[in-house]
Amino acid sequence: MVTDQNDPNAGLFGEEEQKTSDEEKAIKQLYEKNPIRVKALSDLWYQEIIDTIDKTDLPEDAKRQMIFKMTANSILDMMDDATPTEMALDVSFYFDMYMGVALVNKNFEVDLFKEQQKALLSIDSTKFETDEDYHAELRDFEEAWWSIAQPKLNERNPNDAIKEMLNKYGLSDQ
């Protein structure tokens, strides 16, 4: 008996075919498979990394750092190798930007995306003549927010804070 809820042949036997949205497919591909990917990566590299580490005379903390760095580097190399060249530059740029946001969040104990969402929710839809005007304002403000000084960033704007963080790690294009 097939237990997959998304059985493409379900409609053939009188059952209603389950529709999977593009968002659900993306979530499954991008996130739900990660535990399986972790197992595959473990099978691929774990023993080799451990064998390499065991051959060193490093202190335990340095060994743990080396394990992390070897694993992270291998994953990043694999992602770069698996991505077509014309996309790889964009993927690495967006990865760096997201990492910059995460580092700013950690450094300032803030969540920039939640702060932006709070600011967007403060825009009163009743002050606009049409829904189209309201949505245009939301789009404009969503973009502009990244250039507005934020109290939680010591009055820096998010774009500058992210650029500073990327510069600190040598990840900036400038």
C-alpha atoms as a PDB file:
ATOM      1  CA  MET A   1       0.000   0.000   0.000  1.00  0.00           C
ATOM      2  CA  VAL A   2       1.378   3.424  -0.938  1.00  0.00           C
ATOM      3  CA  THR A   3       1.437   5.768   2.050  1.00  0.00           C
ATOM      4  CA  ASP A   4       2.710   8.855   0.279  1.00  0.00           C
ATOM      5  CA  GLN A   5       0.045  11.561   0.591  1.00  0.00           C
ATOM      6  CA  ASN A   6       1.176  12.964  -2.747  1.00  0.00           C
ATOM      7  CA  ASP A   7       0.712   9.755  -4.711  1.00  0.00           C
ATOM      8  CA  PRO A   8       0.441  10.836  -8.369  1.00  0.00           C
ATOM      9  CA  ASN A   9      -1.779   7.811  -9.069  1.00  0.00           C
ATOM     10  CA  ALA A  10      -4.208   8.390  -6.199  1.00  0.00           C
ATOM     11  CA  GLY A  11      -6.890   9.770  -8.544  1.00  0.00           C
ATOM     12  CA  LEU A  12      -6.856   6.564 -10.588  1.00  0.00           C
ATOM     13  CA  PHE A  13      -8.433   4.594  -7.767  1.00  0.00           C
ATOM     14  CA  GLY A  14     -11.164   6.999  -6.764  1.00  0.00           C
ATOM     15  CA  GLU A  15      -9.107   8.855  -4.184  1.00  0.00           C
ATOM     16  CA  GLU A  16      -8.843  12.592  -4.495  1.00  0.00           C
ATOM     17  CA  GLU A  17      -5.401  13.582  -5.693  1.00  0.00           C
ATOM     18  CA  GLN A  18      -3.428  15.602  -3.170  1.00  0.00           C
ATOM     19  CA  LYS A  19      -2.195  18.909  -4.544  1.00  0.00           C
ATOM     20  CA  THR A  20       1.161  20.140  -3.318  1.00  0.00           C
ATOM     21  CA  SER A  21       1.769  23.853  -3.597  1.00  0.00           C
ATOM     22  CA  ASP A  22       5.025  25.253  -4.945  1.00  0.00           C
ATOM     23  CA  GLU A  23       5.758  26.585  -1.451  1.00  0.00           C
ATOM     24  CA  GLU A  24       5.240  23.130   0.093  1.00  0.00           C
ATOM     25  CA  LYS A  25       7.513  21.578  -2.542  1.00  0.00           C
ATOM     26  CA  ALA A  26      10.176  24.214  -1.851  1.00  0.00           C
ATOM     27  CA  ILE A  27       9.992  23.667   1.912  1.00  0.00           C
ATOM     28  CA  LYS A  28      10.348  19.921   1.436  1.00  0.00           C
ATOM     29  CA  GLN A  29      13.308  20.306  -0.936  1.00  0.00           C
ATOM     30  CA  LEU A  30      15.069  23.044   1.005  1.00  0.00           C
ATOM     31  CA  TYR A  31      14.438  22.156   4.648  1.00  0.00           C
ATOM     32  CA  GLU A  32      12.716  18.834   5.230  1.00  0.00           C
ATOM     33  CA  LYS A  33      15.478  16.930   3.461  1.00  0.00           C
ATOM     34  CA  ASN A  34      18.191  18.475   5.641  1.00  0.00           C
ATOM     35  CA  PRO A  35      18.247  15.654   8.238  1.00  0.00           C
ATOM     36  CA  ILE A  36      18.726  13.196   5.363  1.00  0.00           C
ATOM     37  CA  ARG A  37      21.457  15.412   3.896  1.00  0.00           C
ATOM     38  CA  VAL A  38      23.190  15.509   7.285  1.00  0.00           C
ATOM     39  CA  LYS A  39      23.229  11.691   7.356  1.00  0.00           C
ATOM     40  CA  ALA A  40      24.612  11.560   3.805  1.00  0.00           C
ATOM     41  CA  LEU A  41      27.303  14.141   4.602  1.00  0.00           C
ATOM     42  CA  SER A  42      28.216  12.198   7.714  1.00  0.00           C
ATOM     43  CA  ASP A  43      28.622   9.052   5.625  1.00  0.00           C
ATOM     44  CA  LEU A  44      30.666  11.046   3.129  1.00  0.00           C
ATOM     45  CA  TRP A  45      33.095  12.890   5.430  1.00  0.00           C
ATOM     46  CA  TYR A  46      32.778  12.046   9.125  1.00  0.00           C
ATOM     47  CA  GLN A  47      35.300   9.243   9.378  1.00  0.00           C
ATOM     48  CA  GLU A  48      37.843  11.013   7.169  1.00  0.00           C
ATOM     49  CA  ILE A  49      37.602  14.176   9.254  1.00  0.00           C
ATOM     50  CA  ILE A  50      37.879  12.264  12.525  1.00  0.00           C
ATOM     51  CA  ASP A  51      40.861  10.278  11.226  1.00  0.00           C
ATOM     52  CA  THR A  52      42.581  13.534  10.207  1.00  0.00           C
ATOM     53  CA  ILE A  53      41.879  15.137  13.587  1.00  0.00           C
ATOM     54  CA  ASP A  54      43.029  12.079  15.514  1.00  0.00           C
ATOM     55  CA  LYS A  55      46.443  12.333  13.843  1.00  0.00           C
ATOM     56  CA  THR A  56      47.032  15.808  15.302  1.00  0.00           C
ATOM     57  CA  ASP A  57      48.483  16.814  18.665  1.00  0.00           C
ATOM     58  CA  LEU A  58      46.098  19.732  19.007  1.00  0.00           C
ATOM     59  CA  PRO A  59      44.302  20.562  22.248  1.00  0.00           C
ATOM     60  CA  GLU A  60      40.699  19.314  22.392  1.00  0.00           C
ATOM     61  CA  ASP A  61      39.189  22.766  21.789  1.00  0.00           C
ATOM     62  CA  ALA A  62      41.383  23.270  18.709  1.00  0.00           C
ATOM     63  CA  LYS A  63      40.328  19.820  17.452  1.00  0.00           C
ATOM     64  CA  ARG A  64      36.647  20.735  17.787  1.00  0.00           C
ATOM     65  CA  GLN A  65      37.246  24.012  15.941  1.00  0.00           C
ATOM     66  CA  MET A  66      39.123  22.146  13.205  1.00  0.00           C
ATOM     67  CA  ILE A  67      36.246  19.646  12.832  1.00  0.00           C
ATOM     68  CA  PHE A  68      33.785  22.499  12.437  1.00  0.00           C
ATOM     69  CA  LYS A  69      35.986  24.390   9.973  1.00  0.00           C
ATOM     70  CA  MET A  70      36.716  21.309   7.857  1.00  0.00           C
ATOM     71  CA  THR A  71      33.015  20.420   7.727  1.00  0.00           C
ATOM     72  CA  ALA A  72      31.817  23.945   6.952  1.00  0.00           C
ATOM     73  CA  ASN A  73      34.497  24.408   4.286  1.00  0.00           C
ATOM     74  CA  SER A  74      33.599  21.104   2.653  1.00  0.00           C
ATOM     75  CA  ILE A  75      29.905  22.022   2.571  1.00  0.00           C
ATOM     76  CA  LEU A  76      30.637  25.458   1.085  1.00  0.00           C
ATOM     77  CA  ASP A  77      32.925  23.905  -1.545  1.00  0.00           C
ATOM     78  CA  MET A  78      30.248  21.347  -2.418  1.00  0.00           C
ATOM     79  CA  MET A  79      27.592  24.069  -2.730  1.00  0.00           C
ATOM     80  CA  ASP A  80      29.849  26.120  -4.996  1.00  0.00           C
ATOM     81  CA  ASP A  81      30.742  23.099  -7.136  1.00  0.00           C
ATOM     82  CA  ALA A  82      27.096  22.024  -7.413  1.00  0.00           C
ATOM     83  CA  THR A  83      25.864  25.451  -8.505  1.00  0.00           C
ATOM     84  CA  PRO A  84      26.168  26.481 -12.163  1.00  0.00           C
ATOM     85  CA  THR A  85      28.783  29.227 -12.511  1.00  0.00           C
ATOM     86  CA  GLU A  86      26.278  31.845 -13.646  1.00  0.00           C
ATOM     87  CA  MET A  87      24.299  31.231 -10.443  1.00  0.00           C
ATOM     88  CA  ALA A  88      27.192  30.548  -8.070  1.00  0.00           C
ATOM     89  CA  LEU A  89      28.195  34.193  -7.784  1.00  0.00           C
ATOM     90  CA  ASP A  90      24.650  35.211  -6.864  1.00  0.00           C
ATOM     91  CA  VAL A  91      24.299  32.333  -4.409  1.00  0.00           C
ATOM     92  CA  SER A  92      27.580  33.219  -2.674  1.00  0.00           C
ATOM     93  CA  PHE A  93      26.661  36.930  -2.599  1.00  0.00           C
ATOM     94  CA  TYR A  94      23.259  36.242  -1.030  1.00  0.00           C
ATOM     95  CA  PHE A  95      24.773  33.730   1.382  1.00  0.00           C
ATOM     96  CA  ASP A  96      27.289  36.356   2.508  1.00  0.00           C
ATOM     97  CA  MET A  97      24.532  38.952   2.896  1.00  0.00           C
ATOM     98  CA  TYR A  98      22.391  36.580   4.931  1.00  0.00           C
ATOM     99  CA  MET A  99      25.407  35.713   7.062  1.00  0.00           C
ATOM    100  CA  GLY A 100      25.995  39.457   7.534  1.00  0.00           C
ATOM    101  CA  VAL A 101      22.417  39.864   8.764  1.00  0.00           C
ATOM    102  CA  ALA A 102      22.838  36.893  11.121  1.00  0.00           C
ATOM    103  CA  LEU A 103      26.102  38.308  12.493  1.00  0.00           C
ATOM    104  CA  VAL A 104      24.526  41.748  13.036  1.00  0.00           C
ATOM    105  CA  ASN A 105      21.566  40.061  14.755  1.00  0.00           C
ATOM    106  CA  LYS A 106      23.924  38.173  17.055  1.00  0.00           C
ATOM    107  CA  ASN A 107      26.209  41.145  17.718  1.00  0.00           C
ATOM    108  CA  PHE A 108      23.353  43.540  18.541  1.00  0.00           C
ATOM    109  CA  GLU A 109      20.990  40.914  20.009  1.00  0.00           C
ATOM    110  CA  VAL A 110      18.303  41.867  17.518  1.00  0.00           C
ATOM    111  CA  ASP A 111      16.322  40.232  14.707  1.00  0.00           C
ATOM    112  CA  LEU A 112      16.424  42.640  11.772  1.00  0.00           C
ATOM    113  CA  PHE A 113      13.670  40.834   9.893  1.00  0.00           C
ATOM    114  CA  LYS A 114      11.321  40.994  12.902  1.00  0.00           C
ATOM    115  CA  GLU A 115      12.172  44.656  13.442  1.00  0.00           C
ATOM    116  CA  GLN A 116      11.407  45.396   9.811  1.00  0.00           C
ATOM    117  CA  GLN A 117       8.129  43.478  10.079  1.00  0.00           C
ATOM    118  CA  LYS A 118       7.136  45.502  13.161  1.00  0.00           C
ATOM    119  CA  ALA A 119       7.861  48.720  11.276  1.00  0.00           C
ATOM    120  CA  LEU A 120       5.796  47.561   8.292  1.00  0.00           C
ATOM    121  CA  LEU A 121       2.878  46.662  10.553  1.00  0.00           C
ATOM    122  CA  SER A 122       2.906  50.212  11.887  1.00  0.00           C
ATOM    123  CA  ILE A 123       1.802  51.562   8.498  1.00  0.00           C
ATOM    124  CA  ASP A 124      -1.927  52.257   8.736  1.00  0.00           C
ATOM    125  CA  SER A 125      -3.761  50.942   5.679  1.00  0.00           C
ATOM    126  CA  THR A 126      -6.719  53.255   6.337  1.00  0.00           C
ATOM    127  CA  LYS A 127      -4.601  56.279   5.446  1.00  0.00           C
ATOM    128  CA  PHE A 128      -4.472  55.235   1.791  1.00  0.00           C
ATOM    129  CA  GLU A 129      -7.140  55.729  -0.800  1.00  0.00           C
ATOM    130  CA  THR A 130      -6.665  52.317  -2.415  1.00  0.00           C
ATOM    131  CA  ASP A 131      -5.170  48.945  -1.574  1.00  0.00           C
ATOM    132  CA  GLU A 132      -2.788  49.506  -4.474  1.00  0.00           C
ATOM    133  CA  ASP A 133      -1.497  52.719  -2.854  1.00  0.00           C
ATOM    134  CA  TYR A 134      -1.108  50.928   0.481  1.00  0.00           C
ATOM    135  CA  HIS A 135       0.818  48.023  -1.066  1.00  0.00           C
ATOM    136  CA  ALA A 136       3.040  50.438  -2.997  1.00  0.00           C
ATOM    137  CA  GLU A 137       3.851  52.216   0.274  1.00  0.00           C
ATOM    138  CA  LEU A 138       4.653  48.896   1.937  1.00  0.00           C
ATOM    139  CA  ARG A 139       7.025  47.956  -0.911  1.00  0.00           C
ATOM    140  CA  ASP A 140       8.741  51.341  -0.832  1.00  0.00           C
ATOM    141  CA  PHE A 141       9.071  51.351   2.954  1.00  0.00           C
ATOM    142  CA  GLU A 142      10.278  47.745   3.032  1.00  0.00           C
ATOM    143  CA  GLU A 143      13.194  48.755   0.791  1.00  0.00           C
ATOM    144  CA  ALA A 144      13.824  52.098   2.517  1.00  0.00           C
ATOM    145  CA  TRP A 145      13.836  50.572   6.018  1.00  0.00           C
ATOM    146  CA  TRP A 146      17.305  49.112   5.464  1.00  0.00           C
ATOM    147  CA  SER A 147      18.674  52.684   5.157  1.00  0.00           C
ATOM    148  CA  ILE A 148      16.953  54.137   8.249  1.00  0.00           C
ATOM    149  CA  ALA A 149      18.941  54.476  11.486  1.00  0.00           C
ATOM    150  CA  GLN A 150      17.749  51.957  14.059  1.00  0.00           C
ATOM    151  CA  PRO A 151      18.002  52.468  17.835  1.00  0.00           C
ATOM    152  CA  LYS A 152      18.842  48.785  18.389  1.00  0.00           C
ATOM    153  CA  LEU A 153      21.871  49.194  16.076  1.00  0.00           C
ATOM    154  CA  ASN A 154      23.236  52.194  17.989  1.00  0.00           C
ATOM    155  CA  GLU A 155      21.597  54.471  15.414  1.00  0.00           C
ATOM    156  CA  ARG A 156      23.296  52.770  12.447  1.00  0.00           C
ATOM    157  CA  ASN A 157      21.107  51.784   9.572  1.00  0.00           C
ATOM    158  CA  PRO A 158      20.897  48.046   8.866  1.00  0.00           C
ATOM    159  CA  ASN A 159      22.692  48.328   5.510  1.00  0.00           C
ATOM    160  CA  ASP A 160      25.700  50.025   7.106  1.00  0.00           C
ATOM    161  CA  ALA A 161      25.761  47.592  10.037  1.00  0.00           C
ATOM    162  CA  ILE A 162      25.734  44.646   7.622  1.00  0.00           C
ATOM    163  CA  LYS A 163      28.472  46.203   5.454  1.00  0.00           C
ATOM    164  CA  GLU A 164      30.607  46.816   8.556  1.00  0.00           C
ATOM    165  CA  MET A 165      30.161  43.215   9.633  1.00  0.00           C
ATOM    166  CA  LEU A 166      31.003  41.900   6.149  1.00  0.00           C
ATOM    167  CA  ASN A 167      34.093  44.145   6.083  1.00  0.00           C
ATOM    168  CA  LYS A 168      35.168  42.798   9.479  1.00  0.00           C
ATOM    169  CA  TYR A 169      35.231  39.283   8.001  1.00  0.00           C
ATOM    170  CA  GLY A 170      36.632  40.293   4.618  1.00  0.00           C
ATOM    171  CA  LEU A 171      33.399  39.386   2.837  1.00  0.00           C
ATOM    172  CA  SER A 172      32.629  42.799   1.379  1.00  0.00           C
ATOM    173  CA  ASP A 173      33.048  43.610  -2.283  1.00  0.00           C
ATOM    174  CA  GLN A 174      34.388  47.029  -1.351  1.00  0.00           C
END
